N, C-alpha and C. Protein backbone atom coordinates (compact mmCIF):
# COMPACT_ATOMS: atom_id res chain seq x y z
N MET A 1 -4.13 1.39 4.76
CA MET A 1 -3.09 0.46 4.36
C MET A 1 -2.18 0.20 5.56
N ILE A 2 -1.69 -1.03 5.62
CA ILE A 2 -0.78 -1.40 6.69
C ILE A 2 0.38 -2.17 6.10
N ARG A 3 1.58 -1.88 6.60
CA ARG A 3 2.77 -2.55 6.10
C ARG A 3 3.23 -3.56 7.14
N TYR A 4 3.46 -4.79 6.69
CA TYR A 4 3.97 -5.82 7.57
C TYR A 4 5.35 -6.26 7.12
N ASN A 5 6.23 -6.50 8.09
CA ASN A 5 7.48 -7.19 7.83
C ASN A 5 7.14 -8.67 7.91
N LEU A 6 7.50 -9.41 6.88
CA LEU A 6 7.14 -10.82 6.79
C LEU A 6 8.39 -11.68 6.68
N ARG A 7 8.21 -12.98 6.97
CA ARG A 7 9.31 -13.93 6.87
C ARG A 7 8.71 -15.25 6.39
N CYS A 8 9.40 -15.90 5.44
CA CYS A 8 8.94 -17.20 4.96
C CYS A 8 9.56 -18.30 5.82
N ASN A 9 9.11 -19.53 5.61
CA ASN A 9 9.62 -20.65 6.40
C ASN A 9 11.08 -20.96 6.12
N ARG A 10 11.66 -20.37 5.08
CA ARG A 10 13.07 -20.56 4.77
C ARG A 10 13.93 -19.41 5.30
N GLY A 11 13.31 -18.49 6.02
CA GLY A 11 14.06 -17.42 6.68
C GLY A 11 14.23 -16.15 5.87
N HIS A 12 13.66 -16.06 4.67
CA HIS A 12 13.77 -14.84 3.87
C HIS A 12 12.85 -13.77 4.46
N ALA A 13 13.37 -12.57 4.64
CA ALA A 13 12.58 -11.45 5.17
C ALA A 13 12.20 -10.52 4.04
N PHE A 14 10.97 -10.03 4.10
CA PHE A 14 10.49 -9.06 3.11
C PHE A 14 9.32 -8.31 3.73
N GLU A 15 8.84 -7.29 3.05
CA GLU A 15 7.70 -6.55 3.55
C GLU A 15 6.64 -6.46 2.48
N SER A 16 5.41 -6.23 2.92
CA SER A 16 4.31 -6.11 1.98
C SER A 16 3.22 -5.24 2.60
N TRP A 17 2.43 -4.62 1.75
CA TRP A 17 1.34 -3.74 2.17
C TRP A 17 0.01 -4.46 2.02
N PHE A 18 -0.91 -4.22 2.97
CA PHE A 18 -2.23 -4.84 2.94
C PHE A 18 -3.27 -3.79 3.29
N GLN A 19 -4.48 -3.99 2.81
CA GLN A 19 -5.57 -3.07 3.08
C GLN A 19 -5.88 -3.03 4.57
N SER A 20 -5.78 -4.19 5.24
CA SER A 20 -6.07 -4.26 6.66
C SER A 20 -5.46 -5.54 7.22
N SER A 21 -5.53 -5.68 8.53
CA SER A 21 -5.02 -6.90 9.17
C SER A 21 -5.81 -8.12 8.70
N SER A 22 -7.12 -7.96 8.56
CA SER A 22 -7.94 -9.09 8.11
C SER A 22 -7.65 -9.43 6.65
N ALA A 23 -7.30 -8.42 5.83
CA ALA A 23 -6.92 -8.70 4.44
C ALA A 23 -5.65 -9.53 4.41
N TYR A 24 -4.69 -9.21 5.29
CA TYR A 24 -3.47 -10.01 5.38
C TYR A 24 -3.82 -11.45 5.74
N ASP A 25 -4.62 -11.62 6.81
CA ASP A 25 -4.98 -12.97 7.27
C ASP A 25 -5.65 -13.77 6.15
N SER A 26 -6.57 -13.14 5.45
CA SER A 26 -7.29 -13.81 4.37
C SER A 26 -6.36 -14.22 3.23
N GLN A 27 -5.46 -13.30 2.83
CA GLN A 27 -4.56 -13.61 1.71
C GLN A 27 -3.56 -14.70 2.07
N VAL A 28 -3.05 -14.68 3.30
CA VAL A 28 -2.11 -15.73 3.72
C VAL A 28 -2.82 -17.08 3.78
N LYS A 29 -4.04 -17.08 4.30
CA LYS A 29 -4.82 -18.32 4.39
C LYS A 29 -5.08 -18.91 3.01
N ARG A 30 -5.33 -18.04 2.01
CA ARG A 30 -5.59 -18.51 0.65
C ARG A 30 -4.30 -18.69 -0.16
N LYS A 31 -3.14 -18.55 0.52
CA LYS A 31 -1.82 -18.73 -0.09
C LYS A 31 -1.58 -17.77 -1.26
N LEU A 32 -2.07 -16.51 -1.10
CA LEU A 32 -1.87 -15.48 -2.11
C LEU A 32 -0.62 -14.65 -1.83
N VAL A 33 -0.03 -14.84 -0.65
CA VAL A 33 1.19 -14.12 -0.29
C VAL A 33 2.35 -15.09 -0.43
N SER A 34 3.35 -14.71 -1.21
CA SER A 34 4.49 -15.60 -1.38
C SER A 34 5.80 -14.82 -1.24
N CYS A 35 6.83 -15.55 -0.86
CA CYS A 35 8.15 -14.96 -0.69
C CYS A 35 8.72 -14.58 -2.05
N PRO A 36 9.21 -13.35 -2.21
CA PRO A 36 9.77 -12.94 -3.49
C PRO A 36 11.09 -13.65 -3.81
N SER A 37 11.74 -14.23 -2.80
CA SER A 37 13.01 -14.91 -3.04
C SER A 37 12.83 -16.37 -3.46
N CYS A 38 11.88 -17.07 -2.81
CA CYS A 38 11.77 -18.52 -3.07
C CYS A 38 10.36 -18.98 -3.41
N ASP A 39 9.40 -18.07 -3.46
CA ASP A 39 7.99 -18.37 -3.78
C ASP A 39 7.28 -19.23 -2.74
N SER A 40 7.84 -19.39 -1.55
CA SER A 40 7.17 -20.13 -0.49
C SER A 40 5.92 -19.38 -0.08
N THR A 41 4.85 -20.10 0.20
CA THR A 41 3.61 -19.48 0.66
C THR A 41 3.41 -19.72 2.16
N LYS A 42 4.42 -20.27 2.83
CA LYS A 42 4.36 -20.43 4.28
C LYS A 42 4.97 -19.18 4.89
N ILE A 43 4.10 -18.21 5.17
CA ILE A 43 4.51 -16.85 5.56
C ILE A 43 4.01 -16.54 6.96
N GLU A 44 4.82 -15.81 7.71
CA GLU A 44 4.37 -15.31 9.01
C GLU A 44 4.88 -13.89 9.19
N LYS A 45 4.22 -13.17 10.09
CA LYS A 45 4.64 -11.81 10.38
C LYS A 45 5.94 -11.85 11.16
N ALA A 46 6.86 -10.97 10.83
CA ALA A 46 8.11 -10.83 11.58
C ALA A 46 7.90 -9.75 12.63
N ILE A 47 8.77 -9.72 13.62
CA ILE A 47 8.68 -8.70 14.66
C ILE A 47 8.96 -7.35 14.04
N MET A 48 8.14 -6.37 14.39
CA MET A 48 8.28 -5.02 13.83
C MET A 48 8.49 -4.02 14.96
N ALA A 49 9.37 -3.07 14.73
CA ALA A 49 9.56 -1.98 15.69
C ALA A 49 8.58 -0.86 15.37
N PRO A 50 7.97 -0.27 16.39
CA PRO A 50 7.04 0.83 16.10
C PRO A 50 7.79 2.05 15.59
N GLN A 51 7.11 2.83 14.77
CA GLN A 51 7.69 4.09 14.28
C GLN A 51 7.12 5.20 15.14
N LEU A 52 8.00 5.90 15.85
CA LEU A 52 7.58 6.94 16.77
C LEU A 52 7.94 8.30 16.21
N ALA A 53 7.14 9.30 16.59
CA ALA A 53 7.43 10.66 16.15
C ALA A 53 8.70 11.15 16.84
N GLY A 54 9.42 12.03 16.17
CA GLY A 54 10.67 12.56 16.72
C GLY A 54 10.42 13.50 17.88
N THR A 55 11.48 13.76 18.65
CA THR A 55 11.41 14.70 19.77
C THR A 55 12.45 15.77 19.57
N LYS A 56 12.24 16.92 20.21
CA LYS A 56 13.21 18.01 20.09
C LYS A 56 14.19 17.92 21.25
N LYS A 57 15.48 17.99 20.92
CA LYS A 57 16.53 17.98 21.94
C LYS A 57 17.49 19.11 21.65
N ARG A 58 17.67 19.98 22.64
CA ARG A 58 18.60 21.09 22.53
C ARG A 58 18.38 21.91 21.26
N GLY A 59 17.10 22.14 20.94
CA GLY A 59 16.79 23.01 19.81
C GLY A 59 16.83 22.33 18.45
N LYS A 60 17.26 21.06 18.37
CA LYS A 60 17.31 20.37 17.09
C LYS A 60 16.27 19.27 17.08
N ALA A 61 15.60 19.12 15.93
CA ALA A 61 14.62 18.05 15.80
C ALA A 61 15.34 16.75 15.54
N SER A 62 14.90 15.71 16.22
CA SER A 62 15.51 14.40 16.03
C SER A 62 14.41 13.42 15.67
N THR A 63 14.59 12.67 14.61
CA THR A 63 13.61 11.68 14.22
C THR A 63 14.26 10.33 14.22
N PRO A 64 13.51 9.27 14.50
CA PRO A 64 14.09 7.94 14.49
C PRO A 64 14.73 7.59 13.16
N ALA A 65 14.11 8.00 12.07
CA ALA A 65 14.65 7.66 10.75
C ALA A 65 16.02 8.29 10.54
N ALA A 66 16.17 9.54 10.98
CA ALA A 66 17.44 10.22 10.79
C ALA A 66 18.54 9.59 11.63
N SER A 67 18.23 9.27 12.89
CA SER A 67 19.26 8.68 13.74
C SER A 67 19.53 7.24 13.34
N ASP A 68 18.52 6.51 12.91
CA ASP A 68 18.70 5.12 12.50
C ASP A 68 19.55 5.02 11.24
N ALA A 69 19.41 5.96 10.33
CA ALA A 69 20.13 5.89 9.05
C ALA A 69 21.64 5.89 9.28
N ALA A 70 22.09 6.66 10.27
CA ALA A 70 23.52 6.75 10.51
C ALA A 70 24.08 5.50 11.17
N THR A 71 23.25 4.81 11.98
CA THR A 71 23.75 3.67 12.74
C THR A 71 23.22 2.34 12.25
N SER A 72 22.35 2.35 11.27
CA SER A 72 21.73 1.10 10.85
C SER A 72 22.66 0.28 9.97
N PRO A 73 22.50 -1.05 10.02
CA PRO A 73 23.30 -1.91 9.16
C PRO A 73 22.92 -1.71 7.70
N PRO A 74 23.76 -2.15 6.76
CA PRO A 74 23.48 -1.95 5.33
C PRO A 74 22.12 -2.49 4.90
N SER A 75 21.67 -3.61 5.47
CA SER A 75 20.38 -4.17 5.04
C SER A 75 19.25 -3.23 5.37
N THR A 76 19.33 -2.51 6.51
CA THR A 76 18.30 -1.56 6.87
C THR A 76 18.31 -0.37 5.93
N SER A 77 19.51 0.14 5.61
CA SER A 77 19.56 1.28 4.71
C SER A 77 19.11 0.88 3.31
N LEU A 78 19.37 -0.37 2.92
CA LEU A 78 18.88 -0.87 1.64
C LEU A 78 17.35 -0.91 1.66
N MET A 79 16.78 -1.36 2.77
CA MET A 79 15.33 -1.41 2.88
C MET A 79 14.76 0.00 2.81
N MET A 80 15.43 0.97 3.44
CA MET A 80 14.96 2.35 3.39
C MET A 80 15.01 2.86 1.95
N ALA A 81 16.07 2.52 1.22
CA ALA A 81 16.18 2.93 -0.18
C ALA A 81 15.07 2.29 -1.01
N GLN A 82 14.79 1.02 -0.74
CA GLN A 82 13.72 0.33 -1.46
C GLN A 82 12.37 0.94 -1.15
N GLU A 83 12.17 1.34 0.12
CA GLU A 83 10.91 1.97 0.49
C GLU A 83 10.76 3.31 -0.22
N GLN A 84 11.84 4.08 -0.30
CA GLN A 84 11.79 5.36 -1.00
C GLN A 84 11.47 5.15 -2.48
N GLU A 85 12.08 4.12 -3.07
CA GLU A 85 11.83 3.82 -4.48
C GLU A 85 10.37 3.40 -4.67
N LEU A 86 9.85 2.59 -3.76
CA LEU A 86 8.46 2.17 -3.84
C LEU A 86 7.52 3.37 -3.73
N ARG A 87 7.81 4.26 -2.79
CA ARG A 87 6.98 5.45 -2.63
C ARG A 87 7.01 6.31 -3.88
N ALA A 88 8.18 6.45 -4.49
CA ALA A 88 8.30 7.25 -5.72
C ALA A 88 7.47 6.62 -6.83
N LYS A 89 7.51 5.30 -6.95
CA LYS A 89 6.73 4.61 -7.99
C LYS A 89 5.24 4.73 -7.72
N LEU A 90 4.83 4.62 -6.46
CA LEU A 90 3.41 4.78 -6.13
C LEU A 90 2.95 6.20 -6.42
N ARG A 91 3.79 7.18 -6.10
CA ARG A 91 3.46 8.58 -6.39
C ARG A 91 3.33 8.78 -7.91
N GLU A 92 4.25 8.18 -8.66
CA GLU A 92 4.20 8.28 -10.13
C GLU A 92 2.92 7.65 -10.68
N LEU A 93 2.54 6.49 -10.13
CA LEU A 93 1.31 5.83 -10.56
C LEU A 93 0.10 6.71 -10.27
N ARG A 94 0.04 7.24 -9.06
CA ARG A 94 -1.10 8.09 -8.70
C ARG A 94 -1.16 9.32 -9.58
N ASP A 95 -0.01 9.97 -9.81
CA ASP A 95 0.02 11.16 -10.65
C ASP A 95 -0.42 10.85 -12.08
N HIS A 96 -0.03 9.68 -12.58
CA HIS A 96 -0.44 9.27 -13.93
C HIS A 96 -1.96 9.11 -14.01
N VAL A 97 -2.55 8.47 -13.00
CA VAL A 97 -4.00 8.28 -12.99
C VAL A 97 -4.70 9.63 -12.93
N VAL A 98 -4.24 10.51 -12.04
CA VAL A 98 -4.87 11.82 -11.90
C VAL A 98 -4.78 12.62 -13.20
N LYS A 99 -3.65 12.51 -13.88
CA LYS A 99 -3.44 13.26 -15.13
C LYS A 99 -4.26 12.70 -16.29
N ASN A 100 -4.46 11.37 -16.33
CA ASN A 100 -5.04 10.73 -17.50
C ASN A 100 -6.46 10.19 -17.32
N ALA A 101 -7.05 10.41 -16.16
CA ALA A 101 -8.40 9.90 -15.92
C ALA A 101 -9.31 11.04 -15.45
N ASP A 102 -10.61 10.82 -15.58
CA ASP A 102 -11.59 11.81 -15.16
C ASP A 102 -11.91 11.61 -13.68
N ASN A 103 -11.88 12.70 -12.91
CA ASN A 103 -12.27 12.63 -11.51
C ASN A 103 -13.79 12.77 -11.44
N VAL A 104 -14.47 11.69 -11.11
CA VAL A 104 -15.93 11.70 -11.03
C VAL A 104 -16.42 11.87 -9.59
N GLY A 105 -15.48 12.07 -8.66
CA GLY A 105 -15.83 12.34 -7.27
C GLY A 105 -16.69 11.26 -6.65
N GLU A 106 -17.76 11.70 -5.97
CA GLU A 106 -18.65 10.77 -5.26
C GLU A 106 -19.48 9.91 -6.21
N ARG A 107 -19.51 10.24 -7.49
CA ARG A 107 -20.25 9.44 -8.47
C ARG A 107 -19.49 8.18 -8.88
N PHE A 108 -18.28 7.99 -8.34
CA PHE A 108 -17.43 6.88 -8.77
C PHE A 108 -18.13 5.51 -8.77
N PRO A 109 -18.78 5.09 -7.67
CA PRO A 109 -19.42 3.77 -7.70
C PRO A 109 -20.45 3.63 -8.82
N ASN A 110 -21.27 4.65 -9.02
CA ASN A 110 -22.30 4.58 -10.06
C ASN A 110 -21.68 4.57 -11.46
N GLU A 111 -20.68 5.42 -11.69
CA GLU A 111 -20.02 5.47 -13.00
C GLU A 111 -19.31 4.14 -13.30
N ALA A 112 -18.64 3.59 -12.30
CA ALA A 112 -17.93 2.32 -12.50
C ALA A 112 -18.92 1.20 -12.84
N ARG A 113 -20.06 1.17 -12.16
CA ARG A 113 -21.09 0.16 -12.44
C ARG A 113 -21.64 0.32 -13.87
N LYS A 114 -21.94 1.56 -14.25
CA LYS A 114 -22.48 1.82 -15.59
C LYS A 114 -21.52 1.32 -16.66
N MET A 115 -20.23 1.57 -16.47
CA MET A 115 -19.24 1.09 -17.45
C MET A 115 -19.17 -0.43 -17.44
N HIS A 116 -19.18 -1.02 -16.24
CA HIS A 116 -19.08 -2.47 -16.12
C HIS A 116 -20.25 -3.17 -16.83
N TYR A 117 -21.44 -2.63 -16.69
CA TYR A 117 -22.62 -3.25 -17.29
C TYR A 117 -22.90 -2.77 -18.71
N GLY A 118 -22.02 -1.92 -19.26
CA GLY A 118 -22.15 -1.50 -20.65
C GLY A 118 -23.15 -0.39 -20.88
N ASP A 119 -23.59 0.28 -19.82
CA ASP A 119 -24.55 1.37 -19.98
C ASP A 119 -23.90 2.63 -20.53
N ILE A 120 -22.61 2.82 -20.26
CA ILE A 120 -21.87 3.95 -20.81
C ILE A 120 -20.52 3.45 -21.32
N GLU A 121 -19.89 4.26 -22.15
CA GLU A 121 -18.60 3.90 -22.73
C GLU A 121 -17.51 3.83 -21.66
N HIS A 122 -16.64 2.85 -21.80
CA HIS A 122 -15.51 2.72 -20.86
C HIS A 122 -14.54 3.88 -21.04
N ARG A 123 -14.05 4.39 -19.92
CA ARG A 123 -13.03 5.44 -19.92
C ARG A 123 -12.33 5.38 -18.57
N PRO A 124 -11.12 5.90 -18.49
CA PRO A 124 -10.44 5.89 -17.19
C PRO A 124 -11.06 6.93 -16.25
N ILE A 125 -11.42 6.46 -15.05
CA ILE A 125 -12.00 7.35 -14.06
C ILE A 125 -11.36 7.08 -12.69
N TYR A 126 -11.51 8.07 -11.83
CA TYR A 126 -11.19 7.86 -10.42
C TYR A 126 -12.12 8.74 -9.62
N GLY A 127 -12.25 8.44 -8.34
CA GLY A 127 -13.13 9.22 -7.50
C GLY A 127 -13.16 8.66 -6.11
N GLU A 128 -14.27 8.85 -5.44
CA GLU A 128 -14.39 8.48 -4.04
C GLU A 128 -15.41 7.36 -3.87
N ALA A 129 -15.07 6.43 -2.97
CA ALA A 129 -16.00 5.35 -2.62
C ALA A 129 -15.69 4.94 -1.19
N SER A 130 -16.74 4.65 -0.45
CA SER A 130 -16.52 4.16 0.91
C SER A 130 -16.02 2.72 0.82
N ALA A 131 -15.55 2.20 1.92
CA ALA A 131 -15.08 0.81 1.95
C ALA A 131 -16.22 -0.15 1.58
N GLU A 132 -17.43 0.15 2.06
CA GLU A 132 -18.58 -0.71 1.74
C GLU A 132 -18.90 -0.65 0.24
N GLU A 133 -18.85 0.56 -0.35
CA GLU A 133 -19.12 0.70 -1.78
C GLU A 133 -18.06 -0.04 -2.60
N ALA A 134 -16.80 0.09 -2.22
CA ALA A 134 -15.72 -0.59 -2.94
C ALA A 134 -15.90 -2.10 -2.86
N LYS A 135 -16.24 -2.62 -1.68
CA LYS A 135 -16.45 -4.06 -1.51
C LYS A 135 -17.62 -4.52 -2.37
N SER A 136 -18.68 -3.74 -2.40
CA SER A 136 -19.85 -4.08 -3.22
C SER A 136 -19.47 -4.13 -4.70
N LEU A 137 -18.68 -3.16 -5.16
CA LEU A 137 -18.23 -3.16 -6.56
C LEU A 137 -17.41 -4.42 -6.86
N ILE A 138 -16.49 -4.75 -5.97
CA ILE A 138 -15.65 -5.94 -6.17
C ILE A 138 -16.50 -7.20 -6.19
N ASP A 139 -17.49 -7.29 -5.28
CA ASP A 139 -18.40 -8.45 -5.25
C ASP A 139 -19.18 -8.59 -6.55
N GLU A 140 -19.45 -7.47 -7.22
CA GLU A 140 -20.18 -7.49 -8.50
C GLU A 140 -19.25 -7.80 -9.67
N GLY A 141 -17.95 -7.85 -9.42
CA GLY A 141 -17.01 -8.13 -10.49
C GLY A 141 -16.44 -6.88 -11.15
N VAL A 142 -16.74 -5.72 -10.59
CA VAL A 142 -16.21 -4.46 -11.12
C VAL A 142 -14.77 -4.32 -10.62
N GLU A 143 -13.84 -4.14 -11.54
CA GLU A 143 -12.45 -4.02 -11.15
C GLU A 143 -12.16 -2.61 -10.67
N VAL A 144 -11.84 -2.49 -9.40
CA VAL A 144 -11.50 -1.20 -8.79
C VAL A 144 -10.22 -1.36 -8.00
N MET A 145 -9.55 -0.24 -7.80
CA MET A 145 -8.29 -0.26 -7.05
C MET A 145 -8.12 1.10 -6.38
N PRO A 146 -7.75 1.11 -5.10
CA PRO A 146 -7.57 2.42 -4.44
C PRO A 146 -6.32 3.12 -4.95
N LEU A 147 -6.41 4.44 -5.06
CA LEU A 147 -5.22 5.22 -5.38
C LEU A 147 -4.34 5.24 -4.15
N PRO A 148 -3.03 5.05 -4.31
CA PRO A 148 -2.16 5.04 -3.13
C PRO A 148 -2.12 6.41 -2.45
N VAL A 149 -2.21 6.38 -1.13
CA VAL A 149 -2.04 7.58 -0.32
C VAL A 149 -0.76 7.37 0.48
N LEU A 150 0.19 8.25 0.28
CA LEU A 150 1.49 8.11 0.94
C LEU A 150 1.55 8.97 2.20
N PRO A 151 2.41 8.59 3.15
CA PRO A 151 2.49 9.37 4.40
C PRO A 151 2.72 10.87 4.16
N ASP A 152 3.50 11.22 3.15
CA ASP A 152 3.78 12.64 2.85
C ASP A 152 2.50 13.39 2.50
N ASP A 153 1.53 12.69 1.90
CA ASP A 153 0.29 13.32 1.44
C ASP A 153 -0.59 13.76 2.61
N ARG A 154 -0.39 13.19 3.77
CA ARG A 154 -1.25 13.48 4.92
C ARG A 154 -0.79 14.70 5.68
N ASN A 155 0.38 15.22 5.38
CA ASN A 155 0.90 16.39 6.10
C ASN A 155 0.40 17.68 5.51
């Protein structure tokens, strides 16, 4: 997943997540990305600052997020609060799926196909699929969606 800062032709700034750079390009070309403020579909990427790992100074760890929070304008701190809220909601969604669905592991593509074609009873499942397998499922009309992986989960 990749997060882009975006701007519409009317100057509204917002951010959105995409599976890849090419997914962003495809969705913008098909006018599937719209401004949440004015619904304009004339969207372009805004300039983004890279996120760098913190460094240690005089025995204390310093991270860009920590130093930026103290000096950032209110709009930036609002965006940080919105990002935290989004992450909490994504974590809640993932936890709900894990709690209420069967983990079929590597059998996911086959199980999803069987349910789609009526060979087995529909039930909530999750598991593993490569990018090629997921694309193949989508091309067949099988509705699939990746479980969100948050930066905290990778540590």
